Amino acid sequence: MLNLQSFIITVVIVGVTLVVGIYIAAEIESQMTVDSAEANASADLVTALSNGTGWVAILVVVGFATIILALLSSGLGSATQGSSPVY
């Protein structure tokens, strides 16, 4: 259970950091002169961070699948020894 809790906390921290980073970059872009190098860089950063969130969803699914497989394998391993499974 501790692995699941630390995984969820990590995902929440990464998500909040990503959202705050996108918000700050968008605010910086709106404060810059239109079509300046700084405004274009901020726009590129917002686009890159916004498009990268698909990878976060994939990592969450893989993380949960890993935790479920670990729980199942530990439960099946202890069941073969005659004790009750640990969930």
PDB file of N, CA and C in Angstrom:
ATOM      1  N   MET A   1       0.816  -1.186   0.000  1.00  0.00           N
ATOM      2  CA  MET A   1       0.000   0.000   0.000  1.00  0.00           C
ATOM      3  C   MET A   1       0.866   1.258   0.000  1.00  0.00           C
ATOM      4  N   LEU A   2       2.025   1.175   0.614  1.00  0.00           N
ATOM      5  CA  LEU A   2       2.918   2.325   0.666  1.00  0.00           C
ATOM      6  C   LEU A   2       3.414   2.704  -0.726  1.00  0.00           C
ATOM      7  N   ASN A   3       3.646   1.694  -1.590  1.00  0.00           N
ATOM      8  CA  ASN A   3       4.090   1.985  -2.946  1.00  0.00           C
ATOM      9  C   ASN A   3       3.019   2.740  -3.722  1.00  0.00           C
ATOM     10  N   LEU A   4       1.772   2.363  -3.529  1.00  0.00           N
ATOM     11  CA  LEU A   4       0.679   3.026  -4.220  1.00  0.00           C
ATOM     12  C   LEU A   4       0.535   4.472  -3.750  1.00  0.00           C
ATOM     13  N   GLN A   5       0.676   4.696  -2.457  1.00  0.00           N
ATOM     14  CA  GLN A   5       0.556   6.048  -1.917  1.00  0.00           C
ATOM     15  C   GLN A   5       1.669   6.954  -2.444  1.00  0.00           C
ATOM     16  N   SER A   6       2.886   6.481  -2.459  1.00  0.00           N
ATOM     17  CA  SER A   6       3.994   7.303  -2.963  1.00  0.00           C
ATOM     18  C   SER A   6       3.858   7.549  -4.458  1.00  0.00           C
ATOM     19  N   PHE A   7       3.340   6.569  -5.198  1.00  0.00           N
ATOM     20  CA  PHE A   7       3.129   6.749  -6.637  1.00  0.00           C
ATOM     21  C   PHE A   7       2.080   7.826  -6.893  1.00  0.00           C
ATOM     22  N   ILE A   8       0.988   7.797  -6.152  1.00  0.00           N
ATOM     23  CA  ILE A   8      -0.075   8.793  -6.335  1.00  0.00           C
ATOM     24  C   ILE A   8       0.419  10.183  -5.968  1.00  0.00           C
ATOM     25  N   ILE A   9       1.170  10.293  -4.881  1.00  0.00           N
ATOM     26  CA  ILE A   9       1.718  11.594  -4.488  1.00  0.00           C
ATOM     27  C   ILE A   9       2.659  12.122  -5.566  1.00  0.00           C
ATOM     28  N   THR A  10       3.469  11.258  -6.134  1.00  0.00           N
ATOM     29  CA  THR A  10       4.384  11.675  -7.201  1.00  0.00           C
ATOM     30  C   THR A  10       3.621  12.169  -8.423  1.00  0.00           C
ATOM     31  N   VAL A  11       2.573  11.461  -8.815  1.00  0.00           N
ATOM     32  CA  VAL A  11       1.781  11.864  -9.983  1.00  0.00           C
ATOM     33  C   VAL A  11       1.108  13.209  -9.731  1.00  0.00           C
ATOM     34  N   VAL A  12       0.590  13.417  -8.529  1.00  0.00           N
ATOM     35  CA  VAL A  12      -0.063  14.687  -8.206  1.00  0.00           C
ATOM     36  C   VAL A  12       0.941  15.830  -8.242  1.00  0.00           C
ATOM     37  N   ILE A  13       2.131  15.612  -7.672  1.00  0.00           N
ATOM     38  CA  ILE A  13       3.156  16.661  -7.670  1.00  0.00           C
ATOM     39  C   ILE A  13       3.592  17.000  -9.088  1.00  0.00           C
ATOM     40  N   VAL A  14       3.798  15.976  -9.923  1.00  0.00           N
ATOM     41  CA  VAL A  14       4.192  16.228 -11.313  1.00  0.00           C
ATOM     42  C   VAL A  14       3.084  16.973 -12.054  1.00  0.00           C
ATOM     43  N   GLY A  15       1.835  16.582 -11.836  1.00  0.00           N
ATOM     44  CA  GLY A  15       0.715  17.252 -12.502  1.00  0.00           C
ATOM     45  C   GLY A  15       0.577  18.707 -12.099  1.00  0.00           C
ATOM     46  N   VAL A  16       0.687  18.981 -10.800  1.00  0.00           N
ATOM     47  CA  VAL A  16       0.579  20.363 -10.328  1.00  0.00           C
ATOM     48  C   VAL A  16       1.741  21.199 -10.860  1.00  0.00           C
ATOM     49  N   THR A  17       2.941  20.643 -10.842  1.00  0.00           N
ATOM     50  CA  THR A  17       4.104  21.369 -11.365  1.00  0.00           C
ATOM     51  C   THR A  17       3.948  21.673 -12.852  1.00  0.00           C
ATOM     52  N   LEU A  18       3.425  20.723 -13.599  1.00  0.00           N
ATOM     53  CA  LEU A  18       3.214  20.922 -15.032  1.00  0.00           C
ATOM     54  C   LEU A  18       2.185  22.014 -15.290  1.00  0.00           C
ATOM     55  N   VAL A  19       1.098  21.988 -14.556  1.00  0.00           N
ATOM     56  CA  VAL A  19       0.052  23.006 -14.741  1.00  0.00           C
ATOM     57  C   VAL A  19       0.566  24.395 -14.378  1.00  0.00           C
ATOM     58  N   VAL A  20       1.280  24.496 -13.267  1.00  0.00           N
ATOM     59  CA  VAL A  20       1.827  25.794 -12.854  1.00  0.00           C
ATOM     60  C   VAL A  20       2.843  26.295 -13.878  1.00  0.00           C
ATOM     61  N   GLY A  21       3.674  25.410 -14.390  1.00  0.00           N
ATOM     62  CA  GLY A  21       4.655  25.801 -15.408  1.00  0.00           C
ATOM     63  C   GLY A  21       4.000  26.310 -16.683  1.00  0.00           C
ATOM     64  N   ILE A  22       2.951  25.635 -17.118  1.00  0.00           N
ATOM     65  CA  ILE A  22       2.228  26.077 -18.318  1.00  0.00           C
ATOM     66  C   ILE A  22       1.576  27.438 -18.070  1.00  0.00           C
ATOM     67  N   TYR A  23       0.985  27.613 -16.895  1.00  0.00           N
ATOM     68  CA  TYR A  23       0.334  28.884 -16.569  1.00  0.00           C
ATOM     69  C   TYR A  23       1.340  30.033 -16.538  1.00  0.00           C
ATOM     70  N   ILE A  24       2.482  29.818 -15.917  1.00  0.00           N
ATOM     71  CA  ILE A  24       3.493  30.878 -15.836  1.00  0.00           C
ATOM     72  C   ILE A  24       4.030  31.221 -17.224  1.00  0.00           C
ATOM     73  N   ALA A  25       4.289  30.204 -18.034  1.00  0.00           N
ATOM     74  CA  ALA A  25       4.792  30.463 -19.386  1.00  0.00           C
ATOM     75  C   ALA A  25       3.759  31.214 -20.221  1.00  0.00           C
ATOM     76  N   ALA A  26       2.486  30.893 -20.070  1.00  0.00           N
ATOM     77  CA  ALA A  26       1.438  31.608 -20.804  1.00  0.00           C
ATOM     78  C   ALA A  26       1.336  33.048 -20.342  1.00  0.00           C
ATOM     79  N   GLU A  27       1.495  33.284 -19.045  1.00  0.00           N
ATOM     80  CA  GLU A  27       1.463  34.657 -18.535  1.00  0.00           C
ATOM     81  C   GLU A  27       2.658  35.460 -19.029  1.00  0.00           C
ATOM     82  N   ILE A  28       3.814  34.838 -19.093  1.00  0.00           N
ATOM     83  CA  ILE A  28       5.004  35.517 -19.615  1.00  0.00           C
ATOM     84  C   ILE A  28       4.792  35.875 -21.081  1.00  0.00           C
ATOM     85  N   GLU A  29       4.209  34.948 -21.828  1.00  0.00           N
ATOM     86  CA  GLU A  29       3.956  35.209 -23.249  1.00  0.00           C
ATOM     87  C   GLU A  29       3.020  36.393 -23.431  1.00  0.00           C
ATOM     88  N   SER A  30       1.992  36.495 -22.596  1.00  0.00           N
ATOM     89  CA  SER A  30       1.034  37.591 -22.755  1.00  0.00           C
ATOM     90  C   SER A  30       1.626  38.948 -22.371  1.00  0.00           C
ATOM     91  N   GLN A  31       2.716  38.953 -21.609  1.00  0.00           N
ATOM     92  CA  GLN A  31       3.353  40.206 -21.198  1.00  0.00           C
ATOM     93  C   GLN A  31       4.404  40.690 -22.190  1.00  0.00           C
ATOM     94  N   MET A  32       4.800  39.850 -23.133  1.00  0.00           N
ATOM     95  CA  MET A  32       5.861  40.200 -24.078  1.00  0.00           C
ATOM     96  C   MET A  32       5.290  40.886 -25.322  1.00  0.00           C
ATOM     97  N   THR A  33       6.174  41.536 -26.040  1.00  0.00           N
ATOM     98  CA  THR A  33       5.805  42.158 -27.307  1.00  0.00           C
ATOM     99  C   THR A  33       5.444  41.072 -28.316  1.00  0.00           C
ATOM    100  N   VAL A  34       4.387  41.314 -29.071  1.00  0.00           N
ATOM    101  CA  VAL A  34       3.919  40.319 -30.034  1.00  0.00           C
ATOM    102  C   VAL A  34       5.009  40.050 -31.068  1.00  0.00           C
ATOM    103  N   ASP A  35       5.203  38.786 -31.391  1.00  0.00           N
ATOM    104  CA  ASP A  35       6.171  38.301 -32.379  1.00  0.00           C
ATOM    105  C   ASP A  35       7.622  38.586 -32.004  1.00  0.00           C
ATOM    106  N   SER A  36       7.910  38.826 -30.741  1.00  0.00           N
ATOM    107  CA  SER A  36       9.301  38.958 -30.322  1.00  0.00           C
ATOM    108  C   SER A  36       9.864  37.557 -30.069  1.00  0.00           C
ATOM    109  N   ALA A  37      11.160  37.462 -29.954  1.00  0.00           N
ATOM    110  CA  ALA A  37      11.799  36.171 -29.721  1.00  0.00           C
ATOM    111  C   ALA A  37      11.362  35.585 -28.382  1.00  0.00           C
ATOM    112  N   GLU A  38      11.190  36.441 -27.377  1.00  0.00           N
ATOM    113  CA  GLU A  38      10.773  35.971 -26.055  1.00  0.00           C
ATOM    114  C   GLU A  38       9.340  35.437 -26.073  1.00  0.00           C
ATOM    115  N   ALA A  39       8.453  36.149 -26.746  1.00  0.00           N
ATOM    116  CA  ALA A  39       7.060  35.706 -26.834  1.00  0.00           C
ATOM    117  C   ALA A  39       6.963  34.394 -27.603  1.00  0.00           C
ATOM    118  N   ASN A  40       7.739  34.277 -28.681  1.00  0.00           N
ATOM    119  CA  ASN A  40       7.735  33.035 -29.451  1.00  0.00           C
ATOM    120  C   ASN A  40       8.296  31.869 -28.641  1.00  0.00           C
ATOM    121  N   ALA A  41       9.334  32.130 -27.845  1.00  0.00           N
ATOM    122  CA  ALA A  41       9.904  31.073 -27.000  1.00  0.00           C
ATOM    123  C   ALA A  41       8.902  30.631 -25.944  1.00  0.00           C
ATOM    124  N   SER A  42       8.195  31.583 -25.349  1.00  0.00           N
ATOM    125  CA  SER A  42       7.182  31.232 -24.354  1.00  0.00           C
ATOM    126  C   SER A  42       6.037  30.449 -24.996  1.00  0.00           C
ATOM    127  N   ALA A  43       5.634  30.848 -26.178  1.00  0.00           N
ATOM    128  CA  ALA A  43       4.574  30.117 -26.881  1.00  0.00           C
ATOM    129  C   ALA A  43       5.016  28.700 -27.214  1.00  0.00           C
ATOM    130  N   ASP A  44       6.269  28.556 -27.639  1.00  0.00           N
ATOM    131  CA  ASP A  44       6.801  27.221 -27.934  1.00  0.00           C
ATOM    132  C   ASP A  44       6.846  26.354 -26.675  1.00  0.00           C
ATOM    133  N   LEU A  45       7.199  26.967 -25.542  1.00  0.00           N
ATOM    134  CA  LEU A  45       7.243  26.233 -24.279  1.00  0.00           C
ATOM    135  C   LEU A  45       5.854  25.771 -23.866  1.00  0.00           C
ATOM    136  N   VAL A  46       4.862  26.633 -23.991  1.00  0.00           N
ATOM    137  CA  VAL A  46       3.488  26.257 -23.653  1.00  0.00           C
ATOM    138  C   VAL A  46       3.021  25.117 -24.548  1.00  0.00           C
ATOM    139  N   THR A  47       3.316  25.205 -25.837  1.00  0.00           N
ATOM    140  CA  THR A  47       2.923  24.150 -26.772  1.00  0.00           C
ATOM    141  C   THR A  47       3.613  22.833 -26.436  1.00  0.00           C
ATOM    142  N   ALA A  48       4.905  22.885 -26.148  1.00  0.00           N
ATOM    143  CA  ALA A  48       5.647  21.659 -25.838  1.00  0.00           C
ATOM    144  C   ALA A  48       5.139  21.010 -24.553  1.00  0.00           C
ATOM    145  N   LEU A  49       4.897  21.808 -23.523  1.00  0.00           N
ATOM    146  CA  LEU A  49       4.401  21.249 -22.266  1.00  0.00           C
ATOM    147  C   LEU A  49       2.974  20.728 -22.404  1.00  0.00           C
ATOM    148  N   SER A  50       2.165  21.403 -23.197  1.00  0.00           N
ATOM    149  CA  SER A  50       0.777  20.965 -23.378  1.00  0.00           C
ATOM    150  C   SER A  50       0.698  19.667 -24.158  1.00  0.00           C
ATOM    151  N   ASN A  51       1.569  19.494 -25.132  1.00  0.00           N
ATOM    152  CA  ASN A  51       1.567  18.267 -25.929  1.00  0.00           C
ATOM    153  C   ASN A  51       2.227  17.105 -25.194  1.00  0.00           C
ATOM    154  N   GLY A  52       3.012  17.374 -24.171  1.00  0.00           N
ATOM    155  CA  GLY A  52       3.693  16.313 -23.444  1.00  0.00           C
ATOM    156  C   GLY A  52       2.843  15.624 -22.401  1.00  0.00           C
ATOM    157  N   THR A  53       1.613  16.118 -22.171  1.00  0.00           N
ATOM    158  CA  THR A  53       0.788  15.520 -21.129  1.00  0.00           C
ATOM    159  C   THR A  53       0.279  14.137 -21.509  1.00  0.00           C
ATOM    160  N   GLY A  54       0.310  13.790 -22.771  1.00  0.00           N
ATOM    161  CA  GLY A  54      -0.061  12.428 -23.173  1.00  0.00           C
ATOM    162  C   GLY A  54       0.870  11.392 -22.568  1.00  0.00           C
ATOM    163  N   TRP A  55       2.135  11.752 -22.431  1.00  0.00           N
ATOM    164  CA  TRP A  55       3.105  10.842 -21.829  1.00  0.00           C
ATOM    165  C   TRP A  55       2.845  10.658 -20.341  1.00  0.00           C
ATOM    166  N   VAL A  56       2.332  11.672 -19.679  1.00  0.00           N
ATOM    167  CA  VAL A  56       2.017  11.545 -18.258  1.00  0.00           C
ATOM    168  C   VAL A  56       0.922  10.504 -18.064  1.00  0.00           C
ATOM    169  N   ALA A  57      -0.089  10.515 -18.920  1.00  0.00           N
ATOM    170  CA  ALA A  57      -1.171   9.532 -18.821  1.00  0.00           C
ATOM    171  C   ALA A  57      -0.647   8.114 -19.046  1.00  0.00           C
ATOM    172  N   ILE A  58       0.251   7.950 -19.999  1.00  0.00           N
ATOM    173  CA  ILE A  58       0.838   6.638 -20.253  1.00  0.00           C
ATOM    174  C   ILE A  58       1.649   6.176 -19.051  1.00  0.00           C
ATOM    175  N   LEU A  59       2.418   7.074 -18.444  1.00  0.00           N
ATOM    176  CA  LEU A  59       3.208   6.715 -17.271  1.00  0.00           C
ATOM    177  C   LEU A  59       2.319   6.339 -16.090  1.00  0.00           C
ATOM    178  N   VAL A  60       1.192   7.000 -15.925  1.00  0.00           N
ATOM    179  CA  VAL A  60       0.262   6.663 -14.843  1.00  0.00           C
ATOM    180  C   VAL A  60      -0.303   5.260 -15.046  1.00  0.00           C
ATOM    181  N   VAL A  61      -0.701   4.945 -16.256  1.00  0.00           N
ATOM    182  CA  VAL A  61      -1.251   3.613 -16.544  1.00  0.00           C
ATOM    183  C   VAL A  61      -0.204   2.537 -16.310  1.00  0.00           C
ATOM    184  N   VAL A  62       1.006   2.764 -16.785  1.00  0.00           N
ATOM    185  CA  VAL A  62       2.081   1.783 -16.590  1.00  0.00           C
ATOM    186  C   VAL A  62       2.410   1.644 -15.108  1.00  0.00           C
ATOM    187  N   GLY A  63       2.424   2.742 -14.368  1.00  0.00           N
ATOM    188  CA  GLY A  63       2.698   2.680 -12.934  1.00  0.00           C
ATOM    189  C   GLY A  63       1.652   1.873 -12.184  1.00  0.00           C
ATOM    190  N   PHE A  64       0.372   2.120 -12.477  1.00  0.00           N
ATOM    191  CA  PHE A  64      -0.678   1.359 -11.818  1.00  0.00           C
ATOM    192  C   PHE A  64      -0.629  -0.116 -12.205  1.00  0.00           C
ATOM    193  N   ALA A  65      -0.343  -0.399 -13.464  1.00  0.00           N
ATOM    194  CA  ALA A  65      -0.234  -1.799 -13.892  1.00  0.00           C
ATOM    195  C   ALA A  65       0.912  -2.499 -13.174  1.00  0.00           C
ATOM    196  N   THR A  66       2.018  -1.807 -12.982  1.00  0.00           N
ATOM    197  CA  THR A  66       3.151  -2.384 -12.263  1.00  0.00           C
ATOM    198  C   THR A  66       2.789  -2.674 -10.815  1.00  0.00           C
ATOM    199  N   ILE A  67       2.096  -1.752 -10.175  1.00  0.00           N
ATOM    200  CA  ILE A  67       1.697  -1.962  -8.778  1.00  0.00           C
ATOM    201  C   ILE A  67       0.714  -3.124  -8.669  1.00  0.00           C
ATOM    202  N   ILE A  68      -0.238  -3.221  -9.580  1.00  0.00           N
ATOM    203  CA  ILE A  68      -1.213  -4.318  -9.544  1.00  0.00           C
ATOM    204  C   ILE A  68      -0.519  -5.657  -9.764  1.00  0.00           C
ATOM    205  N   LEU A  69       0.404  -5.707 -10.720  1.00  0.00           N
ATOM    206  CA  LEU A  69       1.145  -6.951 -10.949  1.00  0.00           C
ATOM    207  C   LEU A  69       1.990  -7.329  -9.745  1.00  0.00           C
ATOM    208  N   ALA A  70       2.574  -6.352  -9.077  1.00  0.00           N
ATOM    209  CA  ALA A  70       3.365  -6.642  -7.879  1.00  0.00           C
ATOM    210  C   ALA A  70       2.478  -7.179  -6.764  1.00  0.00           C
ATOM    211  N   LEU A  71       1.292  -6.595  -6.589  1.00  0.00           N
ATOM    212  CA  LEU A  71       0.365  -7.099  -5.571  1.00  0.00           C
ATOM    213  C   LEU A  71      -0.102  -8.515  -5.889  1.00  0.00           C
ATOM    214  N   LEU A  72      -0.409  -8.767  -7.157  1.00  0.00           N
ATOM    215  CA  LEU A  72      -0.850 -10.107  -7.551  1.00  0.00           C
ATOM    216  C   LEU A  72       0.256 -11.140  -7.381  1.00  0.00           C
ATOM    217  N   SER A  73       1.451 -10.789  -7.778  1.00  0.00           N
ATOM    218  CA  SER A  73       2.543 -11.765  -7.672  1.00  0.00           C
ATOM    219  C   SER A  73       2.907 -12.044  -6.217  1.00  0.00           C
ATOM    220  N   SER A  74       2.841 -11.036  -5.351  1.00  0.00           N
ATOM    221  CA  SER A  74       3.125 -11.286  -3.938  1.00  0.00           C
ATOM    222  C   SER A  74       1.996 -12.091  -3.305  1.00  0.00           C
ATOM    223  N   GLY A  75       0.765 -11.839  -3.714  1.00  0.00           N
ATOM    224  CA  GLY A  75      -0.363 -12.605  -3.192  1.00  0.00           C
ATOM    225  C   GLY A  75      -0.330 -14.048  -3.641  1.00  0.00           C
ATOM    226  N   LEU A  76      -0.001 -14.289  -4.897  1.00  0.00           N
ATOM    227  CA  LEU A  76       0.078 -15.653  -5.400  1.00  0.00           C
ATOM    228  C   LEU A  76       1.271 -16.395  -4.806  1.00  0.00           C
ATOM    229  N   GLY A  77       2.351 -15.686  -4.566  1.00  0.00           N
ATOM    230  CA  GLY A  77       3.532 -16.323  -3.974  1.00  0.00           C
ATOM    231  C   GLY A  77       3.271 -16.788  -2.566  1.00  0.00           C
ATOM    232  N   SER A  78       2.552 -16.003  -1.787  1.00  0.00           N
ATOM    233  CA  SER A  78       2.271 -16.414  -0.413  1.00  0.00           C
ATOM    234  C   SER A  78       1.153 -17.446  -0.366  1.00  0.00           C
ATOM    235  N   ALA A  79       0.285 -17.494  -1.380  1.00  0.00           N
ATOM    236  CA  ALA A  79      -0.782 -18.482  -1.406  1.00  0.00           C
ATOM    237  C   ALA A  79      -0.224 -19.876  -1.638  1.00  0.00           C
ATOM    238  N   THR A  80       0.858 -19.975  -2.372  1.00  0.00           N
ATOM    239  CA  THR A  80       1.455 -21.285  -2.600  1.00  0.00           C
ATOM    240  C   THR A  80       2.159 -21.807  -1.355  1.00  0.00           C
ATOM    241  N   GLN A  81       2.465 -20.951  -0.408  1.00  0.00           N
ATOM    242  CA  GLN A  81       3.103 -21.366   0.818  1.00  0.00           C
ATOM    243  C   GLN A  81       2.069 -21.713   1.879  1.00  0.00           C
ATOM    244  N   GLY A  82       0.790 -21.595   1.582  1.00  0.00           N
ATOM    245  CA  GLY A  82      -0.243 -21.969   2.518  1.00  0.00           C
ATOM    246  C   GLY A  82      -0.721 -20.848   3.418  1.00  0.00           C
ATOM    247  N   SER A  83      -0.195 -19.669   3.277  1.00  0.00           N
ATOM    248  CA  SER A  83      -0.653 -18.555   4.093  1.00  0.00           C
ATOM    249  C   SER A  83      -1.667 -17.724   3.319  1.00  0.00           C
ATOM    250  N   SER A  84      -2.309 -16.806   4.006  1.00  0.00           N
ATOM    251  CA  SER A  84      -3.295 -15.962   3.346  1.00  0.00           C
ATOM    252  C   SER A  84      -2.585 -14.904   2.503  1.00  0.00           C
ATOM    253  N   PRO A  85      -3.197 -14.520   1.363  1.00  0.00           N
ATOM    254  CA  PRO A  85      -2.547 -13.511   0.502  1.00  0.00           C
ATOM    255  C   PRO A  85      -2.489 -12.139   1.156  1.00  0.00           C
ATOM    256  N   VAL A  86      -1.469 -11.404   0.809  1.00  0.00           N
ATOM    257  CA  VAL A  86      -1.284 -10.055   1.325  1.00  0.00           C
ATOM    258  C   VAL A  86      -1.717  -9.070   0.259  1.00  0.00           C
ATOM    259  N   TYR A  87      -2.723  -8.262   0.546  1.00  0.00           N
ATOM    260  CA  TYR A  87      -3.207  -7.270  -0.414  1.00  0.00           C
ATOM    261  C   TYR A  87      -3.007  -5.907   0.103  1.00  0.00           C
TER     262      TYR A  87
END
